[in-house]
N, C-alpha and C. Protein backbone atom coordinates (compact mmCIF):
# COMPACT_ATOMS: atom_id res chain seq x y z
N MET A 1 94.47 74.53 111.26
CA MET A 1 95.11 75.24 112.36
C MET A 1 94.95 74.49 113.67
N LYS A 2 93.74 74.02 113.95
CA LYS A 2 93.51 73.31 115.21
C LYS A 2 94.33 72.03 115.26
N ASN A 3 94.44 71.33 114.12
CA ASN A 3 95.25 70.11 114.10
C ASN A 3 96.72 70.43 114.36
N ARG A 4 97.22 71.51 113.78
CA ARG A 4 98.61 71.90 114.01
C ARG A 4 98.83 72.27 115.46
N MET A 5 97.86 72.98 116.05
CA MET A 5 97.96 73.34 117.45
C MET A 5 98.02 72.09 118.31
N PHE A 6 97.15 71.13 118.00
CA PHE A 6 97.12 69.90 118.79
C PHE A 6 98.44 69.16 118.67
N GLN A 7 98.98 69.08 117.46
CA GLN A 7 100.25 68.37 117.25
C GLN A 7 101.39 69.04 118.00
N ARG A 8 101.44 70.37 117.98
CA ARG A 8 102.49 71.09 118.68
C ARG A 8 102.38 70.86 120.18
N ALA A 9 101.15 70.99 120.70
CA ALA A 9 100.97 70.82 122.14
C ALA A 9 101.25 69.40 122.57
N LEU A 10 100.77 68.44 121.80
CA LEU A 10 101.00 67.04 122.13
C LEU A 10 102.48 66.73 122.11
N CYS A 11 103.18 67.25 121.11
CA CYS A 11 104.63 67.03 121.01
C CYS A 11 105.35 67.63 122.22
N ALA A 12 104.99 68.87 122.56
CA ALA A 12 105.63 69.52 123.71
C ALA A 12 105.35 68.78 124.99
N GLY A 13 104.11 68.35 125.15
CA GLY A 13 103.75 67.61 126.35
C GLY A 13 104.48 66.29 126.46
N MET A 14 104.57 65.58 125.33
CA MET A 14 105.25 64.29 125.35
C MET A 14 106.74 64.46 125.63
N ILE A 15 107.34 65.51 125.04
CA ILE A 15 108.77 65.75 125.30
C ILE A 15 108.99 66.07 126.77
N THR A 16 108.15 66.96 127.31
CA THR A 16 108.29 67.34 128.71
C THR A 16 108.14 66.15 129.63
N LEU A 17 107.06 65.41 129.45
CA LEU A 17 106.81 64.28 130.33
C LEU A 17 107.77 63.13 130.07
N GLY A 18 108.14 62.93 128.81
CA GLY A 18 109.07 61.86 128.48
C GLY A 18 110.44 62.10 129.08
N CYS A 19 110.92 63.32 128.96
CA CYS A 19 112.23 63.64 129.54
C CYS A 19 112.21 63.51 131.05
N ALA A 20 111.10 63.97 131.64
CA ALA A 20 111.00 63.90 133.10
C ALA A 20 110.98 62.46 133.58
N SER A 21 110.16 61.62 132.92
CA SER A 21 110.03 60.24 133.37
C SER A 21 111.30 59.43 133.11
N THR A 22 112.06 59.79 132.04
CA THR A 22 113.30 59.08 131.74
C THR A 22 114.41 59.49 132.70
N ALA A 23 114.53 60.80 132.91
CA ALA A 23 115.61 61.30 133.75
C ALA A 23 115.41 60.95 135.22
N PHE A 24 114.16 60.78 135.62
CA PHE A 24 113.87 60.52 137.02
C PHE A 24 113.06 59.23 137.15
N ALA A 25 113.51 58.21 136.47
CA ALA A 25 112.77 56.96 136.42
C ALA A 25 112.60 56.33 137.78
N ASP A 26 113.55 56.59 138.70
CA ASP A 26 113.49 55.97 140.01
C ASP A 26 112.27 56.42 140.80
N SER A 27 111.78 57.64 140.53
CA SER A 27 110.65 58.13 141.31
C SER A 27 109.37 57.38 140.97
N GLY A 28 109.17 57.07 139.70
CA GLY A 28 107.99 56.31 139.28
C GLY A 28 106.69 56.99 139.59
N ASN A 29 106.67 58.31 139.68
CA ASN A 29 105.48 59.04 140.06
C ASN A 29 104.76 59.60 138.84
N ILE A 30 103.64 59.02 138.51
CA ILE A 30 102.81 59.50 137.39
C ILE A 30 101.35 59.52 137.85
N ALA A 31 100.64 60.60 137.51
CA ALA A 31 99.23 60.72 137.87
C ALA A 31 98.45 61.27 136.69
N VAL A 32 97.19 60.90 136.60
CA VAL A 32 96.29 61.48 135.61
C VAL A 32 95.14 62.15 136.35
N GLY A 33 94.59 63.19 135.74
CA GLY A 33 93.54 63.92 136.41
C GLY A 33 92.49 64.46 135.46
N ALA A 34 91.34 64.83 136.04
CA ALA A 34 90.26 65.48 135.30
C ALA A 34 89.98 66.81 135.97
N LYS A 35 89.72 67.86 135.14
CA LYS A 35 89.59 69.20 135.69
C LYS A 35 88.43 69.94 135.05
N ALA A 36 87.88 70.90 135.81
CA ALA A 36 86.92 71.87 135.30
C ALA A 36 87.47 73.25 135.62
N SER A 37 87.45 74.14 134.63
CA SER A 37 88.09 75.44 134.84
C SER A 37 87.49 76.49 133.93
N THR A 38 87.99 77.72 134.07
CA THR A 38 87.59 78.80 133.17
C THR A 38 88.13 78.60 131.77
N LEU A 39 88.98 77.59 131.56
CA LEU A 39 89.44 77.20 130.22
C LEU A 39 88.60 76.07 129.64
N GLY A 40 87.62 75.60 130.40
CA GLY A 40 86.78 74.50 129.93
C GLY A 40 86.98 73.25 130.77
N PHE A 41 86.62 72.12 130.18
CA PHE A 41 86.79 70.83 130.84
C PHE A 41 87.93 70.07 130.16
N GLY A 42 88.66 69.29 130.97
CA GLY A 42 89.77 68.57 130.36
C GLY A 42 90.47 67.64 131.31
N GLY A 43 91.66 67.23 130.91
CA GLY A 43 92.45 66.32 131.70
C GLY A 43 93.92 66.65 131.58
N GLU A 44 94.73 66.05 132.44
CA GLU A 44 96.16 66.30 132.41
C GLU A 44 96.92 65.11 132.96
N VAL A 45 98.20 65.10 132.63
CA VAL A 45 99.13 64.09 133.15
C VAL A 45 100.20 64.81 133.96
N THR A 46 100.50 64.29 135.13
CA THR A 46 101.53 64.86 136.00
C THR A 46 102.64 63.84 136.19
N VAL A 47 103.89 64.30 136.07
CA VAL A 47 105.06 63.46 136.32
C VAL A 47 105.91 64.10 137.41
N GLY A 48 106.24 63.33 138.44
CA GLY A 48 107.11 63.83 139.48
C GLY A 48 108.56 63.83 139.03
N ILE A 49 109.22 65.00 139.11
CA ILE A 49 110.62 65.12 138.73
C ILE A 49 111.52 64.96 139.94
N SER A 50 111.13 65.61 141.03
CA SER A 50 111.88 65.53 142.28
C SER A 50 110.89 65.85 143.39
N PRO A 51 111.30 65.77 144.66
CA PRO A 51 110.37 66.12 145.74
C PRO A 51 109.82 67.55 145.63
N SER A 52 110.54 68.44 144.94
CA SER A 52 110.12 69.84 144.86
C SER A 52 109.54 70.24 143.51
N PHE A 53 109.64 69.36 142.49
CA PHE A 53 109.21 69.75 141.16
C PHE A 53 108.39 68.65 140.48
N ASN A 54 107.30 69.07 139.82
CA ASN A 54 106.51 68.21 138.94
C ASN A 54 106.40 68.87 137.58
N ALA A 55 106.13 68.07 136.54
CA ALA A 55 105.80 68.57 135.21
C ALA A 55 104.39 68.14 134.87
N ARG A 56 103.65 69.04 134.22
CA ARG A 56 102.26 68.74 133.85
C ARG A 56 102.00 69.11 132.39
N ALA A 57 101.16 68.33 131.73
CA ALA A 57 100.69 68.67 130.39
C ALA A 57 99.24 68.19 130.27
N GLY A 58 98.41 68.96 129.57
CA GLY A 58 96.99 68.58 129.50
C GLY A 58 96.27 69.26 128.35
N TYR A 59 94.95 69.11 128.38
CA TYR A 59 94.09 69.73 127.37
C TYR A 59 92.81 70.20 128.05
N ASN A 60 92.31 71.38 127.62
CA ASN A 60 91.03 71.90 128.09
C ASN A 60 90.22 72.38 126.88
N GLY A 61 88.91 72.20 126.94
CA GLY A 61 88.07 72.67 125.84
C GLY A 61 86.62 72.85 126.25
N TYR A 62 85.92 73.75 125.54
CA TYR A 62 84.50 73.98 125.79
C TYR A 62 83.97 74.91 124.71
N ASN A 63 82.72 74.74 124.30
CA ASN A 63 82.06 75.64 123.35
C ASN A 63 80.82 76.24 124.00
N TYR A 64 80.59 77.53 123.72
CA TYR A 64 79.44 78.23 124.30
C TYR A 64 78.85 79.17 123.26
N ASN A 65 77.53 79.15 123.10
CA ASN A 65 76.83 80.04 122.18
C ASN A 65 76.08 81.11 122.97
N GLY A 66 76.14 82.35 122.48
CA GLY A 66 75.46 83.44 123.16
C GLY A 66 75.15 84.58 122.20
N SER A 67 74.69 85.69 122.74
CA SER A 67 74.37 86.86 121.92
C SER A 67 74.63 88.13 122.71
N THR A 68 74.90 89.22 121.99
CA THR A 68 75.11 90.52 122.58
C THR A 68 74.77 91.59 121.55
N SER A 69 74.74 92.85 121.96
CA SER A 69 74.41 93.95 121.05
C SER A 69 75.47 95.03 121.14
N GLN A 70 75.73 95.67 119.99
CA GLN A 70 76.69 96.76 119.91
C GLN A 70 76.27 97.69 118.79
N ASN A 71 75.98 98.97 119.12
CA ASN A 71 75.61 99.97 118.11
C ASN A 71 74.44 99.50 117.23
N GLN A 72 73.38 98.99 117.85
CA GLN A 72 72.16 98.54 117.16
C GLN A 72 72.40 97.35 116.23
N ILE A 73 73.46 96.62 116.48
CA ILE A 73 73.71 95.38 115.75
C ILE A 73 73.67 94.23 116.75
N ASN A 74 72.87 93.23 116.44
CA ASN A 74 72.76 92.05 117.30
C ASN A 74 73.77 91.00 116.83
N TYR A 75 74.66 90.60 117.72
CA TYR A 75 75.68 89.62 117.39
C TYR A 75 75.37 88.28 118.06
N ASP A 76 75.25 87.24 117.24
CA ASP A 76 75.21 85.87 117.75
C ASP A 76 76.65 85.36 117.69
N TYR A 77 77.14 84.84 118.80
CA TYR A 77 78.55 84.45 118.83
C TYR A 77 78.73 83.04 119.36
N LYS A 78 79.84 82.45 118.99
CA LYS A 78 80.25 81.14 119.50
C LYS A 78 81.63 81.28 120.11
N LEU A 79 81.71 81.01 121.40
CA LEU A 79 82.99 81.01 122.10
C LEU A 79 83.55 79.59 122.06
N SER A 80 84.72 79.45 121.47
CA SER A 80 85.38 78.14 121.37
C SER A 80 86.65 78.18 122.20
N LEU A 81 86.65 77.41 123.29
CA LEU A 81 87.83 77.31 124.14
C LEU A 81 88.61 76.05 123.79
N GLY A 82 89.90 76.20 123.62
CA GLY A 82 90.77 75.05 123.37
C GLY A 82 92.19 75.41 123.76
N SER A 83 92.76 74.73 124.74
CA SER A 83 94.10 75.09 125.21
C SER A 83 94.87 73.85 125.64
N PHE A 84 96.20 73.95 125.50
CA PHE A 84 97.10 72.84 125.82
C PHE A 84 98.20 73.37 126.74
N PRO A 85 98.00 73.33 128.06
CA PRO A 85 99.01 73.84 128.97
C PRO A 85 100.16 72.86 129.20
N VAL A 86 101.36 73.39 129.28
CA VAL A 86 102.56 72.64 129.67
C VAL A 86 103.19 73.43 130.82
N LEU A 87 103.16 72.87 132.04
CA LEU A 87 103.51 73.61 133.24
C LEU A 87 104.58 72.91 134.05
N LEU A 88 105.30 73.72 134.83
CA LEU A 88 106.26 73.20 135.81
C LEU A 88 105.78 73.63 137.19
N ASP A 89 105.57 72.67 138.08
CA ASP A 89 105.14 72.96 139.45
C ASP A 89 106.35 72.96 140.38
N TRP A 90 106.48 74.03 141.16
CA TRP A 90 107.54 74.12 142.16
C TRP A 90 106.90 74.20 143.54
N TYR A 91 107.30 73.28 144.42
CA TYR A 91 106.81 73.25 145.80
C TYR A 91 107.90 73.82 146.71
N PRO A 92 107.79 75.11 147.07
CA PRO A 92 108.86 75.76 147.84
C PRO A 92 108.93 75.31 149.30
N PHE A 93 107.84 74.75 149.80
CA PHE A 93 107.82 74.34 151.20
C PHE A 93 107.69 72.82 151.29
N GLU A 94 108.61 72.20 151.99
CA GLU A 94 108.63 70.75 152.11
C GLU A 94 107.36 70.26 152.82
N HIS A 95 106.81 69.16 152.29
CA HIS A 95 105.61 68.53 152.85
C HIS A 95 104.39 69.45 152.81
N SER A 96 104.38 70.40 151.88
CA SER A 96 103.22 71.28 151.70
C SER A 96 102.67 71.10 150.30
N GLY A 97 101.35 71.23 150.16
CA GLY A 97 100.73 71.12 148.84
C GLY A 97 100.77 72.41 148.05
N PHE A 98 101.25 73.51 148.66
CA PHE A 98 101.30 74.79 147.96
C PHE A 98 102.37 74.76 146.88
N ARG A 99 102.03 75.31 145.70
CA ARG A 99 102.98 75.30 144.60
C ARG A 99 102.87 76.57 143.76
N LEU A 100 103.95 76.89 143.07
CA LEU A 100 103.99 77.92 142.04
C LEU A 100 104.11 77.22 140.70
N SER A 101 103.34 77.70 139.70
CA SER A 101 103.22 76.94 138.45
C SER A 101 103.38 77.84 137.23
N PRO A 102 104.60 78.15 136.82
CA PRO A 102 104.81 78.85 135.55
C PRO A 102 104.73 77.86 134.38
N GLY A 103 104.55 78.41 133.18
CA GLY A 103 104.53 77.54 132.00
C GLY A 103 104.08 78.27 130.76
N VAL A 104 103.78 77.51 129.73
CA VAL A 104 103.25 78.05 128.48
C VAL A 104 101.95 77.32 128.15
N ILE A 105 101.10 78.03 127.43
CA ILE A 105 99.83 77.45 126.99
C ILE A 105 99.72 77.63 125.48
N PHE A 106 99.47 76.53 124.77
CA PHE A 106 99.18 76.58 123.34
C PHE A 106 97.69 76.90 123.23
N ASN A 107 97.39 78.10 122.75
CA ASN A 107 96.09 78.72 122.93
C ASN A 107 95.28 78.73 121.63
N ASN A 108 94.13 78.07 121.64
CA ASN A 108 93.26 78.11 120.47
C ASN A 108 91.89 78.72 120.83
N ASN A 109 91.85 79.57 121.86
CA ASN A 109 90.62 80.25 122.23
C ASN A 109 90.24 81.25 121.13
N LYS A 110 88.97 81.31 120.78
CA LYS A 110 88.53 82.26 119.76
C LYS A 110 87.02 82.45 119.86
N VAL A 111 86.55 83.54 119.25
CA VAL A 111 85.13 83.85 119.18
C VAL A 111 84.77 84.11 117.73
N SER A 112 83.71 83.48 117.24
CA SER A 112 83.19 83.78 115.90
C SER A 112 81.80 84.36 116.04
N THR A 113 81.48 85.37 115.20
CA THR A 113 80.22 86.10 115.34
C THR A 113 79.52 86.27 114.00
N THR A 114 78.20 86.41 114.08
CA THR A 114 77.38 86.82 112.94
C THR A 114 76.50 87.96 113.42
N GLY A 115 76.55 89.10 112.70
CA GLY A 115 75.80 90.28 113.12
C GLY A 115 74.63 90.58 112.20
N THR A 116 73.52 90.93 112.80
CA THR A 116 72.33 91.36 112.05
C THR A 116 71.82 92.66 112.65
N SER A 117 71.27 93.53 111.80
CA SER A 117 70.78 94.81 112.26
C SER A 117 69.52 94.64 113.10
N SER A 118 69.42 95.44 114.16
CA SER A 118 68.20 95.44 114.97
C SER A 118 67.08 96.19 114.24
N GLN A 119 67.44 96.93 113.18
CA GLN A 119 66.46 97.57 112.31
C GLN A 119 66.21 96.68 111.09
N VAL A 120 65.03 96.75 110.53
CA VAL A 120 64.65 95.82 109.46
C VAL A 120 65.42 96.09 108.17
N LEU A 121 65.60 97.33 107.78
CA LEU A 121 66.14 97.65 106.46
C LEU A 121 67.54 98.28 106.49
N PHE A 122 68.05 98.59 107.68
CA PHE A 122 69.29 99.35 107.73
C PHE A 122 70.25 98.78 108.78
N TYR A 123 71.54 99.02 108.53
CA TYR A 123 72.60 98.79 109.50
C TYR A 123 73.16 100.15 109.94
N THR A 124 73.43 100.30 111.20
CA THR A 124 74.20 101.44 111.67
C THR A 124 75.56 100.92 112.11
N ILE A 125 76.60 101.27 111.34
CA ILE A 125 77.95 100.76 111.56
C ILE A 125 78.90 101.92 111.71
N GLY A 126 79.60 101.98 112.83
CA GLY A 126 80.56 103.06 113.05
C GLY A 126 79.95 104.43 112.94
N GLY A 127 78.69 104.59 113.32
CA GLY A 127 78.01 105.88 113.28
C GLY A 127 77.37 106.23 111.96
N ALA A 128 77.53 105.40 110.94
CA ALA A 128 76.93 105.63 109.62
C ALA A 128 75.87 104.57 109.33
N THR A 129 74.90 104.94 108.48
CA THR A 129 73.78 104.05 108.18
C THR A 129 73.86 103.55 106.74
N TYR A 130 73.67 102.23 106.58
CA TYR A 130 73.68 101.59 105.26
C TYR A 130 72.49 100.66 105.15
N SER A 131 72.11 100.39 103.91
CA SER A 131 71.00 99.46 103.70
C SER A 131 71.48 98.03 103.89
N THR A 132 70.54 97.15 104.17
CA THR A 132 70.90 95.74 104.31
C THR A 132 71.41 95.18 102.99
N THR A 133 70.98 95.74 101.86
CA THR A 133 71.48 95.30 100.55
C THR A 133 72.95 95.65 100.39
N GLN A 134 73.34 96.83 100.88
CA GLN A 134 74.74 97.24 100.77
C GLN A 134 75.65 96.39 101.67
N ILE A 135 75.14 95.99 102.81
CA ILE A 135 75.97 95.27 103.79
C ILE A 135 75.87 93.76 103.63
N GLY A 136 74.67 93.25 103.41
CA GLY A 136 74.47 91.79 103.42
C GLY A 136 74.45 91.31 104.86
N SER A 137 75.36 90.45 105.21
CA SER A 137 75.49 90.01 106.60
C SER A 137 76.88 90.36 107.11
N LEU A 138 76.98 90.52 108.41
CA LEU A 138 78.26 90.79 109.05
C LEU A 138 78.77 89.53 109.73
N THR A 139 80.02 89.20 109.48
CA THR A 139 80.64 88.08 110.17
C THR A 139 81.97 88.56 110.75
N GLY A 140 82.33 87.99 111.88
CA GLY A 140 83.56 88.44 112.51
C GLY A 140 84.19 87.37 113.37
N THR A 141 85.43 87.64 113.76
CA THR A 141 86.17 86.74 114.65
C THR A 141 86.96 87.56 115.66
N VAL A 142 87.15 86.99 116.82
CA VAL A 142 88.07 87.53 117.82
C VAL A 142 89.06 86.41 118.12
N ASP A 143 90.33 86.66 117.87
CA ASP A 143 91.37 85.64 118.00
C ASP A 143 92.48 86.16 118.91
N PHE A 144 93.36 85.23 119.36
CA PHE A 144 94.39 85.58 120.32
C PHE A 144 95.72 84.96 119.91
N ASN A 145 96.79 85.36 120.59
CA ASN A 145 98.09 84.76 120.35
C ASN A 145 98.02 83.26 120.60
N LYS A 146 98.78 82.50 119.83
CA LYS A 146 98.67 81.04 119.87
C LYS A 146 99.58 80.38 120.90
N THR A 147 100.70 80.99 121.23
CA THR A 147 101.58 80.45 122.27
C THR A 147 101.78 81.55 123.30
N VAL A 148 101.30 81.33 124.53
CA VAL A 148 101.25 82.41 125.51
C VAL A 148 101.82 81.94 126.85
N PRO A 149 102.41 82.87 127.61
CA PRO A 149 102.92 82.51 128.94
C PRO A 149 101.79 82.40 129.96
N TYR A 150 102.05 81.62 130.98
CA TYR A 150 101.10 81.44 132.08
C TYR A 150 101.85 81.53 133.40
N ALA A 151 101.24 82.18 134.39
CA ALA A 151 101.79 82.25 135.74
C ALA A 151 100.67 81.95 136.72
N GLY A 152 100.94 81.04 137.63
CA GLY A 152 99.89 80.69 138.57
C GLY A 152 100.42 80.08 139.84
N LEU A 153 99.52 79.80 140.74
CA LEU A 153 99.82 79.10 141.97
C LEU A 153 98.69 78.12 142.22
N GLY A 154 98.89 77.23 143.16
CA GLY A 154 97.85 76.25 143.41
C GLY A 154 98.11 75.44 144.65
N TRP A 155 97.27 74.44 144.81
CA TRP A 155 97.36 73.56 145.97
C TRP A 155 97.10 72.13 145.52
N GLY A 156 97.90 71.22 146.04
CA GLY A 156 97.73 69.81 145.74
C GLY A 156 98.91 69.25 145.00
N ASN A 157 99.30 68.04 145.37
CA ASN A 157 100.42 67.36 144.71
C ASN A 157 99.92 65.99 144.26
N ALA A 158 99.64 65.89 142.97
CA ALA A 158 99.03 64.66 142.44
C ALA A 158 99.93 63.45 142.60
N VAL A 159 101.25 63.67 142.72
CA VAL A 159 102.19 62.56 142.86
C VAL A 159 102.93 62.63 144.19
N GLY A 160 102.31 63.29 145.17
CA GLY A 160 102.92 63.40 146.49
C GLY A 160 103.03 62.05 147.18
N LYS A 161 103.76 62.05 148.27
CA LYS A 161 104.06 60.81 149.00
C LYS A 161 102.81 60.06 149.41
N ASP A 162 101.80 60.80 149.87
CA ASP A 162 100.58 60.16 150.36
C ASP A 162 99.45 60.19 149.34
N SER A 163 99.77 60.53 148.09
CA SER A 163 98.72 60.68 147.08
C SER A 163 98.20 59.33 146.61
N GLY A 164 96.91 59.27 146.42
CA GLY A 164 96.24 58.19 145.73
C GLY A 164 95.27 58.91 144.84
N LEU A 165 94.08 59.13 145.37
CA LEU A 165 93.11 60.05 144.77
C LEU A 165 93.23 61.37 145.51
N SER A 166 93.51 62.45 144.79
CA SER A 166 93.77 63.73 145.45
C SER A 166 93.02 64.86 144.77
N PHE A 167 92.83 65.93 145.51
CA PHE A 167 92.18 67.16 145.04
C PHE A 167 93.24 68.14 144.60
N VAL A 168 93.02 68.82 143.47
CA VAL A 168 93.98 69.82 142.99
C VAL A 168 93.24 71.12 142.66
N PHE A 169 93.91 72.23 142.89
CA PHE A 169 93.33 73.56 142.66
C PHE A 169 94.38 74.46 142.03
N ASP A 170 93.98 75.25 141.04
CA ASP A 170 94.88 76.19 140.38
C ASP A 170 94.24 77.56 140.26
N LEU A 171 95.07 78.59 140.42
CA LEU A 171 94.65 79.98 140.24
C LEU A 171 95.77 80.70 139.52
N GLY A 172 95.46 81.32 138.37
CA GLY A 172 96.53 81.96 137.62
C GLY A 172 96.01 82.87 136.53
N VAL A 173 96.93 83.32 135.68
CA VAL A 173 96.61 84.23 134.57
C VAL A 173 97.30 83.74 133.31
N MET A 174 96.55 83.70 132.22
CA MET A 174 97.10 83.41 130.90
C MET A 174 97.23 84.73 130.15
N PHE A 175 98.44 85.06 129.73
CA PHE A 175 98.70 86.33 129.07
C PHE A 175 98.56 86.12 127.56
N GLN A 176 97.30 86.19 127.07
CA GLN A 176 97.04 85.81 125.68
C GLN A 176 97.12 86.97 124.70
N GLY A 177 97.49 88.16 125.16
CA GLY A 177 97.74 89.27 124.26
C GLY A 177 96.47 90.02 123.86
N THR A 178 96.68 91.16 123.21
CA THR A 178 95.56 91.97 122.75
C THR A 178 94.77 91.19 121.70
N PRO A 179 93.45 91.06 121.88
CA PRO A 179 92.64 90.31 120.92
C PRO A 179 92.73 90.89 119.52
N LYS A 180 92.71 90.01 118.53
CA LYS A 180 92.69 90.42 117.13
C LYS A 180 91.25 90.32 116.64
N VAL A 181 90.67 91.45 116.28
CA VAL A 181 89.27 91.53 115.89
C VAL A 181 89.15 91.73 114.39
N ALA A 182 88.33 90.93 113.75
CA ALA A 182 88.05 91.08 112.31
C ALA A 182 86.53 91.13 112.11
N LEU A 183 86.09 91.97 111.17
CA LEU A 183 84.67 92.11 110.86
C LEU A 183 84.53 92.33 109.37
N ASN A 184 83.62 91.59 108.73
CA ASN A 184 83.47 91.65 107.28
C ASN A 184 82.01 91.72 106.88
N ALA A 185 81.75 92.49 105.83
CA ALA A 185 80.40 92.59 105.25
C ALA A 185 80.35 91.74 103.99
N SER A 186 79.37 90.84 103.90
CA SER A 186 79.34 89.88 102.79
C SER A 186 79.10 90.55 101.43
N ASN A 187 78.39 91.69 101.39
CA ASN A 187 78.09 92.35 100.12
C ASN A 187 79.01 93.52 99.81
N LEU A 188 80.11 93.65 100.53
CA LEU A 188 80.99 94.81 100.36
C LEU A 188 81.42 94.99 98.91
N GLN A 189 81.87 93.92 98.27
CA GLN A 189 82.42 94.01 96.92
C GLN A 189 81.35 94.27 95.85
N ASN A 190 80.09 94.19 96.21
CA ASN A 190 79.01 94.43 95.25
C ASN A 190 78.64 95.90 95.13
N ASN A 191 79.31 96.75 95.89
CA ASN A 191 79.02 98.19 95.89
C ASN A 191 80.02 98.94 95.03
N PRO A 192 79.67 100.16 94.57
CA PRO A 192 80.65 101.01 93.86
C PRO A 192 81.85 101.29 94.76
N PRO A 193 83.02 101.55 94.17
CA PRO A 193 84.24 101.75 94.96
C PRO A 193 84.11 102.80 96.06
N ILE A 194 83.43 103.91 95.77
CA ILE A 194 83.32 104.96 96.79
C ILE A 194 82.48 104.50 97.97
N VAL A 195 81.47 103.67 97.68
CA VAL A 195 80.64 103.13 98.76
C VAL A 195 81.41 102.06 99.54
N GLN A 196 82.18 101.24 98.82
CA GLN A 196 83.03 100.25 99.48
C GLN A 196 83.96 100.92 100.49
N SER A 197 84.58 102.04 100.05
CA SER A 197 85.51 102.75 100.92
C SER A 197 84.81 103.28 102.16
N ALA A 198 83.59 103.82 101.98
CA ALA A 198 82.84 104.36 103.11
C ALA A 198 82.44 103.24 104.09
N ILE A 199 81.99 102.11 103.54
CA ILE A 199 81.60 100.98 104.39
C ILE A 199 82.79 100.45 105.16
N GLN A 200 83.94 100.31 104.47
CA GLN A 200 85.13 99.80 105.14
C GLN A 200 85.57 100.72 106.27
N SER A 201 85.48 102.04 106.04
CA SER A 201 85.82 103.00 107.08
C SER A 201 84.91 102.84 108.29
N SER A 202 83.63 102.63 108.03
CA SER A 202 82.67 102.43 109.12
C SER A 202 82.92 101.12 109.85
N ILE A 203 83.28 100.08 109.09
CA ILE A 203 83.60 98.79 109.72
C ILE A 203 84.82 98.93 110.61
N ASP A 204 85.83 99.71 110.14
CA ASP A 204 87.03 99.92 110.96
C ASP A 204 86.68 100.61 112.28
N LYS A 205 85.73 101.56 112.24
CA LYS A 205 85.29 102.21 113.47
C LYS A 205 84.56 101.23 114.38
N GLU A 206 83.76 100.36 113.78
CA GLU A 206 83.05 99.34 114.55
C GLU A 206 84.03 98.38 115.21
N ILE A 207 85.08 98.01 114.46
CA ILE A 207 86.11 97.13 115.02
C ILE A 207 86.79 97.80 116.21
N ALA A 208 87.06 99.12 116.10
CA ALA A 208 87.68 99.84 117.21
C ALA A 208 86.80 99.81 118.45
N ASP A 209 85.47 99.95 118.25
CA ASP A 209 84.54 99.87 119.37
C ASP A 209 84.55 98.48 120.00
N LEU A 210 84.59 97.46 119.16
CA LEU A 210 84.62 96.09 119.66
C LEU A 210 85.93 95.82 120.41
N LYS A 211 87.04 96.36 119.92
CA LYS A 211 88.32 96.16 120.59
C LYS A 211 88.30 96.73 122.00
N ASP A 212 87.62 97.89 122.16
CA ASP A 212 87.53 98.49 123.49
C ASP A 212 86.85 97.54 124.47
N LYS A 213 85.93 96.73 123.97
CA LYS A 213 85.19 95.80 124.83
C LYS A 213 85.94 94.48 125.04
N THR A 214 86.85 94.15 124.14
CA THR A 214 87.53 92.86 124.24
C THR A 214 88.96 92.95 124.78
N ASP A 215 89.49 94.18 124.89
CA ASP A 215 90.87 94.34 125.35
C ASP A 215 91.11 93.73 126.73
N LYS A 216 90.06 93.69 127.56
CA LYS A 216 90.22 93.15 128.91
C LYS A 216 90.57 91.66 128.89
N PHE A 217 90.32 90.99 127.77
CA PHE A 217 90.58 89.55 127.70
C PHE A 217 92.04 89.21 127.39
N LYS A 218 92.91 90.24 127.26
CA LYS A 218 94.32 89.91 127.02
C LYS A 218 94.95 89.29 128.26
N TYR A 219 94.35 89.53 129.42
CA TYR A 219 94.74 88.82 130.65
C TYR A 219 93.57 87.91 131.03
N TYR A 220 93.73 86.63 130.76
CA TYR A 220 92.62 85.70 130.95
C TYR A 220 92.79 84.97 132.29
N PRO A 221 91.84 85.15 133.23
CA PRO A 221 91.97 84.48 134.53
C PRO A 221 91.72 82.98 134.42
N VAL A 222 92.53 82.22 135.11
CA VAL A 222 92.38 80.76 135.11
C VAL A 222 92.12 80.30 136.54
N VAL A 223 90.96 79.69 136.73
CA VAL A 223 90.61 79.08 138.00
C VAL A 223 90.18 77.65 137.69
N SER A 224 90.77 76.68 138.35
CA SER A 224 90.42 75.30 138.05
C SER A 224 90.43 74.44 139.31
N ILE A 225 89.57 73.44 139.29
CA ILE A 225 89.54 72.43 140.36
C ILE A 225 89.48 71.06 139.69
N GLY A 226 89.98 70.06 140.36
CA GLY A 226 89.95 68.75 139.75
C GLY A 226 90.37 67.64 140.71
N LEU A 227 90.35 66.45 140.18
CA LEU A 227 90.78 65.27 140.91
C LEU A 227 91.88 64.59 140.12
N ALA A 228 92.85 64.02 140.83
CA ALA A 228 93.95 63.32 140.20
C ALA A 228 94.14 61.97 140.87
N TYR A 229 94.63 61.02 140.09
CA TYR A 229 94.90 59.68 140.64
C TYR A 229 96.32 59.28 140.31
N LYS A 230 97.06 58.90 141.33
CA LYS A 230 98.46 58.50 141.18
C LYS A 230 98.57 57.00 140.95
N PHE A 231 99.37 56.63 139.93
CA PHE A 231 99.61 55.23 139.63
C PHE A 231 100.81 54.71 140.43
């Protein structure tokens, strides 16, 4: 999946930048940059299309490990950030660095979790109690839509008239949709059917509780700063 995401994003970025650089070859404005943001660390390429428009494509990524608790279950989680933005910058005011930046982001952000009971012999899942033998271990994922719209604004023109080494800033929102939450018990199939049904019902309630906590991430804030260099 990650390889397919990378290929799609790379293809889209190359098409965007290739068309821009071919159609507007006389401008000769190309810049590369490095950025740090709420999407992770990464880089991007900017191509000047006209005095009022630029095209950008890049990559951001970061991994973070942490832990949290929910209903007496301790979750160790890994946050994996990976995104490929393809943006169009519009500068509505002549000779100003202010810009509006709509676009799409190929989104591979996800969270993987492993849950263990805070009690030695029992799990409490969805308000019901089960033995550790019945449950085994809990594993889960939180995933998002893979191609999502982005709307933002910012400051800085990497390929502006006076650009050499320049500062760039972005502020926006990635609309990545309602998170998809999955949770599984490793020993579920080892139980009698009636117990399997009860455990699955409890897991579904646990998933609903987790969704309540993750729904806020369907609107993901993007704040980034970076440096760009014009060739």
